[in-house]
């Protein structure tokens, strides 16, 4: 029997529908890259404060080159982001679109995450090497990474830190007010820790991160505060005993070389009645459970291009972004936390929060 006789006939209509879908993906990817440029240049914020304007007026307001701005605007118009009046050749960012594309946007600034597309493209050749040899990358190979993570932290952690995040452990605000020792394990650019240090003058704060660039940013964020310190430290070598009353880890554990080992060392570093407050991506460890999870393709892409490779680059297991809340919960219990409390905030279904207490 020939191959032609065993291969099912192609459904032409289904094939054309899928080709249209792929075309839409290509357009979407191009627009996403330009969303990143609009964010990085400040064009969205500038347009949010302007009436319908010419490309020259927009460029002048942003301090940018008109020719580049005009070409960017063409993408925004054809991508359905910016409104265009052909008669007057003017452009306008509708308020409904600015609501998720500008600084302090009421729906969150989603253009922040568009930067991941450009960052991924910048390391594509190195990722291809990883597909062939199984190797990983180092944090320093990712352009603009810490700035992106700082913006993400500003939205998902810092903006809701005092009203929502810390009260997940109801006793925490009062204990911080009275004065306790706090560690942020994997502090990144230190915005959350600096915000706490500023608010709770009686408490003492320490931040550890693997990357010197992140620590340099953190020190700038904490300038003028005398109850906070930062140190460049690989958490794989973190080994302190009963030193802290609160340890936080915001979107940091799954990137580690040895996540289970880090969580065990966090448990050991806590004093009696100590609390570990942990944020991570809230997807499941089971792919079948993530088919409708918000931004699952973007998160798996971030995993393949960043979170998994940086763990592998340290000689780690490469669990990746979507290691799953089940995995996180099991590791917390194995580390010594008997009853971690898991919360998904209604306004933020992408993340999961664990409050774990050391008795």
Protein backbone atom coordinates (compact mmCIF):
# COMPACT_ATOMS: atom_id res chain seq x y z
CA UNK A 1 0.00 0.00 0.00
CA UNK A 2 1.43 3.39 -0.96
CA UNK A 3 1.89 6.39 1.33
CA UNK A 4 -0.75 8.31 -0.59
CA UNK A 5 -3.26 5.57 0.15
CA UNK A 6 -2.54 5.55 3.92
CA UNK A 7 -2.45 9.33 4.52
CA UNK A 8 -5.89 10.76 5.37
CA UNK A 9 -7.05 13.40 2.87
CA UNK A 10 -6.46 16.99 3.96
CA UNK A 11 -9.48 19.06 4.93
CA UNK A 12 -8.88 22.07 2.70
CA UNK A 13 -11.28 24.35 4.57
CA UNK A 14 -9.73 23.48 7.93
CA UNK A 15 -6.24 24.04 6.52
CA UNK A 16 -7.18 27.48 5.23
CA UNK A 17 -8.76 28.41 8.55
CA UNK A 18 -5.58 27.38 10.34
CA UNK A 19 -3.45 29.34 7.88
CA UNK A 20 -5.57 32.40 8.66
CA UNK A 21 -4.99 31.75 12.37
CA UNK A 22 -1.21 31.60 11.86
CA UNK A 23 -1.38 34.82 9.87
CA UNK A 24 -3.16 36.44 12.79
CA UNK A 25 -0.43 35.19 15.12
CA UNK A 26 2.26 36.74 12.93
CA UNK A 27 0.43 40.06 12.90
CA UNK A 28 -0.08 39.84 16.64
CA UNK A 29 3.59 39.12 17.24
CA UNK A 30 4.59 42.13 15.15
CA UNK A 31 2.17 44.39 17.02
CA UNK A 32 3.43 43.05 20.37
CA UNK A 33 7.00 44.02 19.47
CA UNK A 34 5.79 47.51 18.59
CA UNK A 35 3.81 47.71 21.83
CA UNK A 36 7.14 47.23 23.56
CA UNK A 37 8.66 50.08 21.56
CA UNK A 38 5.69 52.29 22.36
CA UNK A 39 6.21 51.58 26.03
CA UNK A 40 10.00 52.01 26.04
CA UNK A 41 9.84 55.31 24.11
CA UNK A 42 6.98 56.67 26.24
CA UNK A 43 4.81 57.17 23.16
CA UNK A 44 1.71 55.67 24.77
CA UNK A 45 2.00 57.98 27.75
CA UNK A 46 2.57 60.99 25.49
CA UNK A 47 -0.43 60.16 23.30
CA UNK A 48 -2.61 59.62 26.33
CA UNK A 49 -2.21 63.31 27.10
CA UNK A 50 -2.79 64.57 23.54
CA UNK A 51 -5.87 65.23 21.40
CA UNK A 52 -5.90 63.91 17.83
CA UNK A 53 -2.47 64.95 16.54
CA UNK A 54 -0.20 64.69 13.54
CA UNK A 55 2.81 62.39 13.59
CA UNK A 56 5.03 65.46 13.81
CA UNK A 57 3.19 66.81 16.84
CA UNK A 58 3.39 63.41 18.55
CA UNK A 59 7.09 63.09 17.76
CA UNK A 60 7.78 66.60 19.04
CA UNK A 61 5.88 65.93 22.28
CA UNK A 62 7.88 62.73 22.80
CA UNK A 63 11.21 64.20 21.73
CA UNK A 64 11.57 61.58 19.01
CA UNK A 65 12.27 61.37 15.28
CA UNK A 66 9.09 61.92 13.23
CA UNK A 67 9.89 59.37 10.52
CA UNK A 68 10.27 56.55 13.03
CA UNK A 69 7.21 57.67 14.93
CA UNK A 70 5.14 57.76 11.74
CA UNK A 71 6.10 54.19 10.86
CA UNK A 72 5.34 53.02 14.39
CA UNK A 73 1.96 54.75 14.21
CA UNK A 74 1.17 52.87 10.99
CA UNK A 75 1.58 49.60 12.89
CA UNK A 76 -0.57 50.89 15.73
CA UNK A 77 -3.33 51.97 13.33
CA UNK A 78 -3.39 48.76 11.28
CA UNK A 79 -3.10 46.73 14.47
CA UNK A 80 -6.21 48.38 15.92
CA UNK A 81 -4.41 50.17 18.75
CA UNK A 82 -4.52 53.80 17.58
CA UNK A 83 -7.42 55.58 15.81
CA UNK A 84 -6.58 57.41 12.57
CA UNK A 85 -8.38 60.21 10.68
CA UNK A 86 -7.31 59.93 7.03
CA UNK A 87 -8.70 63.35 6.13
CA UNK A 88 -6.61 65.25 8.68
CA UNK A 89 -3.82 62.64 8.98
CA UNK A 90 -4.11 62.71 12.76
CA UNK A 91 -3.79 59.97 15.35
CA UNK A 92 -5.48 59.37 18.68
CA UNK A 93 -5.03 56.81 21.45
CA UNK A 94 -8.56 55.98 22.68
CA UNK A 95 -9.00 56.15 26.44
CA UNK A 96 -10.27 52.58 26.40
CA UNK A 97 -6.93 51.45 24.92
CA UNK A 98 -4.81 53.67 27.15
CA UNK A 99 -6.47 51.91 30.09
CA UNK A 100 -4.08 48.95 29.67
CA UNK A 101 -1.11 50.53 27.87
CA UNK A 102 0.07 53.46 30.00
CA UNK A 103 1.83 54.01 33.31
CA UNK A 104 -0.57 53.60 36.20
CA UNK A 105 -3.27 52.32 33.83
CA UNK A 106 -6.44 51.24 35.65
CA UNK A 107 -6.33 47.78 34.06
CA UNK A 108 -2.57 47.41 34.51
CA UNK A 109 0.06 48.28 31.94
CA UNK A 110 0.16 45.24 29.66
CA UNK A 111 2.75 46.90 27.41
CA UNK A 112 5.28 46.05 30.13
CA UNK A 113 5.00 42.38 29.18
CA UNK A 114 5.33 43.08 25.46
CA UNK A 115 9.00 43.76 26.24
CA UNK A 116 9.46 40.02 26.75
CA UNK A 117 8.94 39.50 23.01
CA UNK A 118 11.90 41.67 22.07
CA UNK A 119 14.04 40.23 24.86
CA UNK A 120 13.31 36.71 23.64
CA UNK A 121 14.28 37.59 20.10
CA UNK A 122 17.60 38.96 21.32
CA UNK A 123 18.61 35.56 22.75
CA UNK A 124 17.06 33.37 20.06
CA UNK A 125 20.39 32.12 18.67
CA UNK A 126 21.58 31.12 22.14
CA UNK A 127 18.28 29.35 22.79
CA UNK A 128 18.74 27.41 19.54
CA UNK A 129 22.07 26.22 20.90
CA UNK A 130 20.22 25.00 23.97
CA UNK A 131 17.81 22.98 21.83
CA UNK A 132 20.83 21.17 20.39
CA UNK A 133 23.05 20.72 23.44
CA UNK A 134 20.71 21.15 26.42
CA UNK A 135 22.74 24.02 27.83
CA UNK A 136 21.46 27.13 29.54
CA UNK A 137 22.04 30.87 29.70
CA UNK A 138 23.08 33.39 32.34
CA UNK A 139 20.93 36.28 33.59
CA UNK A 140 23.39 38.79 32.15
CA UNK A 141 22.69 37.58 28.60
CA UNK A 142 19.16 39.02 28.71
CA UNK A 143 18.97 42.70 27.75
CA UNK A 144 16.85 44.98 29.94
CA UNK A 145 15.69 42.02 32.04
CA UNK A 146 15.89 43.58 35.50
CA UNK A 147 14.12 46.73 34.34
CA UNK A 148 11.23 44.63 33.00
CA UNK A 149 11.00 42.64 36.22
CA UNK A 150 11.08 45.84 38.27
CA UNK A 151 8.12 47.18 36.28
CA UNK A 152 6.28 43.90 36.73
CA UNK A 153 6.97 43.95 40.47
CA UNK A 154 5.73 47.52 40.62
CA UNK A 155 2.34 46.39 39.30
CA UNK A 156 1.87 42.94 40.82
CA UNK A 157 3.58 43.42 44.20
CA UNK A 158 4.44 46.99 45.20
CA UNK A 159 1.16 48.60 44.12
CA UNK A 160 -0.86 46.21 46.30
CA UNK A 161 1.75 45.44 48.96
CA UNK A 162 0.17 47.16 51.95
CA UNK A 163 -3.52 46.82 51.10
CA UNK A 164 -3.54 43.24 49.80
CA UNK A 165 -0.26 41.32 49.92
CA UNK A 166 1.01 41.72 53.48
CA UNK A 167 -2.49 41.28 55.00
CA UNK A 168 -2.55 37.75 53.49
CA UNK A 169 -0.89 37.02 56.84
CA UNK A 170 -3.12 39.21 59.06
CA UNK A 171 -0.56 39.53 61.84
CA UNK A 172 2.20 40.81 59.54
CA UNK A 173 1.43 44.56 59.39
CA UNK A 174 1.38 44.79 63.19
CA UNK A 175 4.59 42.82 63.60
CA UNK A 176 6.33 44.93 60.97
CA UNK A 177 5.19 48.08 62.75
CA UNK A 178 6.59 46.82 66.04
CA UNK A 179 9.89 45.76 64.46
CA UNK A 180 11.08 42.45 62.99
CA UNK A 181 13.89 41.14 60.78
CA UNK A 182 12.93 40.68 57.12
CA UNK A 183 14.69 39.05 54.17
CA UNK A 184 13.64 39.28 50.53
CA UNK A 185 15.18 36.18 48.89
CA UNK A 186 15.71 36.99 45.23
CA UNK A 187 14.95 40.68 45.71
CA UNK A 188 15.62 41.80 42.14
CA UNK A 189 15.68 45.59 41.95
CA UNK A 190 14.46 45.86 45.53
CA UNK A 191 11.33 47.96 45.07
CA UNK A 192 9.11 45.91 47.36
CA UNK A 193 11.70 45.74 50.11
CA UNK A 194 12.47 49.46 49.87
CA UNK A 195 8.75 50.25 50.11
CA UNK A 196 8.49 48.17 53.29
CA UNK A 197 11.64 49.70 54.78
CA UNK A 198 10.26 53.18 54.20
CA UNK A 199 6.91 52.36 55.78
CA UNK A 200 8.14 50.28 58.73
CA UNK A 201 11.03 52.19 60.30
CA UNK A 202 11.25 49.85 63.31
CA UNK A 203 11.95 46.76 61.20
CA UNK A 204 15.23 45.71 59.59
CA UNK A 205 15.39 44.60 55.96
CA UNK A 206 17.88 42.56 53.91
CA UNK A 207 17.75 41.75 50.20
CA UNK A 208 19.74 39.02 48.41
CA UNK A 209 19.95 38.55 44.65
CA UNK A 210 22.28 36.66 42.34
CA UNK A 211 22.82 39.53 39.90
CA UNK A 212 25.02 42.51 40.75
CA UNK A 213 23.09 44.69 38.28
CA UNK A 214 19.88 44.03 40.20
CA UNK A 215 21.56 44.81 43.53
CA UNK A 216 22.94 48.07 42.14
CA UNK A 217 19.39 49.06 41.15
CA UNK A 218 18.12 48.00 44.57
CA UNK A 219 20.64 50.19 46.37
CA UNK A 220 19.49 53.15 44.31
CA UNK A 221 15.84 52.39 45.18
CA UNK A 222 16.72 52.37 48.88
CA UNK A 223 18.90 55.49 48.93
CA UNK A 224 18.47 57.41 52.18
CA UNK A 225 17.04 54.48 54.18
CA UNK A 226 19.17 53.27 57.09
CA UNK A 227 17.18 50.12 57.99
CA UNK A 228 17.88 48.20 54.79
CA UNK A 229 20.84 46.51 53.14
CA UNK A 230 21.39 44.57 49.92
CA UNK A 231 23.94 41.92 49.04
CA UNK A 232 24.82 39.98 45.91
CA UNK A 233 24.33 36.33 46.86
CA UNK A 234 23.55 33.08 45.07
CA UNK A 235 20.72 31.59 47.13
CA UNK A 236 22.16 28.14 46.44
CA UNK A 237 24.78 29.05 49.04
CA UNK A 238 22.35 30.78 51.42
CA UNK A 239 22.73 29.22 54.86
CA UNK A 240 21.53 31.22 57.86
CA UNK A 241 19.83 29.81 60.93
CA UNK A 242 16.87 31.37 62.78
CA UNK A 243 17.76 34.90 61.75
CA UNK A 244 14.54 36.29 60.23
CA UNK A 245 10.91 36.71 61.25
CA UNK A 246 9.67 37.21 57.68
CA UNK A 247 11.14 35.98 54.40
CA UNK A 248 9.55 37.02 51.13
CA UNK A 249 10.20 35.62 47.66
CA UNK A 250 8.37 37.36 44.86
CA UNK A 251 8.38 35.45 41.54
CA UNK A 252 11.86 34.14 42.35
CA UNK A 253 11.82 30.52 43.47
CA UNK A 254 11.12 28.74 40.17
CA UNK A 255 14.22 30.33 38.58
CA UNK A 256 16.56 28.91 41.20
CA UNK A 257 19.13 26.22 40.54
CA UNK A 258 17.65 24.20 43.40
CA UNK A 259 14.16 25.46 44.33
CA UNK A 260 13.52 22.70 46.87
CA UNK A 261 16.87 23.36 48.55
CA UNK A 262 16.26 27.11 48.68
CA UNK A 263 12.87 26.59 50.34
CA UNK A 264 14.45 24.26 52.90
CA UNK A 265 17.07 26.90 53.69
CA UNK A 266 14.35 29.55 53.98
CA UNK A 267 12.58 27.38 56.57
CA UNK A 268 15.86 26.99 58.48
CA UNK A 269 16.52 30.74 58.36
CA UNK A 270 13.18 31.59 59.96
CA UNK A 271 12.76 31.97 63.68
CA UNK A 272 9.89 30.36 65.54
CA UNK A 273 6.60 31.98 64.44
CA UNK A 274 8.39 33.08 61.29
CA UNK A 275 6.48 33.57 58.04
CA UNK A 276 7.43 32.88 54.45
CA UNK A 277 5.40 34.94 51.96
CA UNK A 278 5.83 33.63 48.43
CA UNK A 279 4.48 34.77 45.06
CA UNK A 280 4.85 32.68 41.93
CA UNK A 281 3.09 31.96 38.65
CA UNK A 282 -0.23 30.26 39.37
CA UNK A 283 -0.37 27.76 36.52
CA UNK A 284 -0.70 24.04 37.05
CA UNK A 285 2.06 21.46 36.74
CA UNK A 286 -0.27 19.59 34.37
CA UNK A 287 -0.38 21.06 30.85
CA UNK A 288 -3.95 19.83 30.39
CA UNK A 289 -5.06 22.11 33.25
CA UNK A 290 -3.50 25.18 31.60
CA UNK A 291 -5.38 25.18 28.30
CA UNK A 292 -7.51 28.11 29.49
CA UNK A 293 -4.99 29.63 31.93
CA UNK A 294 -4.50 33.39 31.33
CA UNK A 295 -1.57 34.11 28.99
CA UNK A 296 -0.47 30.47 29.01
CA UNK A 297 1.33 30.70 25.62
CA UNK A 298 3.22 33.82 26.76
CA UNK A 299 4.17 32.18 30.05
CA UNK A 300 5.37 28.96 28.43
CA UNK A 301 7.36 31.10 25.97
CA UNK A 302 8.93 33.03 28.84
CA UNK A 303 9.74 29.67 30.41
CA UNK A 304 11.40 28.28 27.28
CA UNK A 305 13.34 31.48 26.55
CA UNK A 306 14.26 32.57 30.07
CA UNK A 307 13.22 30.81 33.28
CA UNK A 308 14.15 27.27 32.22
CA UNK A 309 17.47 28.27 30.54
CA UNK A 310 18.72 30.38 33.47
CA UNK A 311 18.11 27.49 35.84
CA UNK A 312 19.88 25.09 33.46
CA UNK A 313 22.67 27.64 33.09
CA UNK A 314 23.31 27.31 36.84
CA UNK A 315 23.36 23.52 36.59
CA UNK A 316 19.80 23.31 37.91
CA UNK A 317 16.73 21.26 37.04
CA UNK A 318 15.15 23.86 34.76
CA UNK A 319 11.63 23.59 36.21
CA UNK A 320 10.51 26.67 34.29
CA UNK A 321 7.84 29.31 34.75
CA UNK A 322 4.95 26.85 34.70
CA UNK A 323 6.39 24.50 37.31
CA UNK A 324 2.94 24.50 38.84
CA UNK A 325 1.35 25.50 42.12
CA UNK A 326 1.14 21.81 42.99
CA UNK A 327 4.94 21.51 42.73
CA UNK A 328 5.42 24.67 44.79
CA UNK A 329 3.04 23.46 47.49
CA UNK A 330 4.71 20.04 47.68
CA UNK A 331 8.17 21.64 47.97
CA UNK A 332 6.99 23.99 50.73
CA UNK A 333 5.68 21.02 52.71
CA UNK A 334 8.86 19.05 52.11
CA UNK A 335 10.88 22.05 53.32
CA UNK A 336 9.11 21.88 56.71
CA UNK A 337 6.06 24.11 56.29
CA UNK A 338 3.20 21.87 57.41
CA UNK A 339 0.22 23.85 56.15
CA UNK A 340 1.02 26.47 53.48
CA UNK A 341 -2.00 28.65 52.74
CA UNK A 342 -2.60 29.19 49.01
CA UNK A 343 -4.44 32.27 47.68
CA UNK A 344 -5.27 33.46 44.17
CA UNK A 345 -6.33 37.11 44.15
CA UNK A 346 -9.51 37.79 42.20
CA UNK A 347 -7.97 40.62 40.17
CA UNK A 348 -4.75 38.69 39.42
CA UNK A 349 -5.47 35.13 38.25
CA UNK A 350 -1.94 34.70 36.82
CA UNK A 351 -0.23 34.55 40.21
CA UNK A 352 -0.51 32.39 43.30
CA UNK A 353 0.43 33.45 46.83
CA UNK A 354 1.55 31.14 49.62
CA UNK A 355 1.69 32.07 53.29
CA UNK A 356 3.72 29.45 55.18
CA UNK A 357 4.38 29.57 58.92
CA UNK A 358 7.16 27.99 60.96
CA UNK A 359 5.73 26.86 64.28
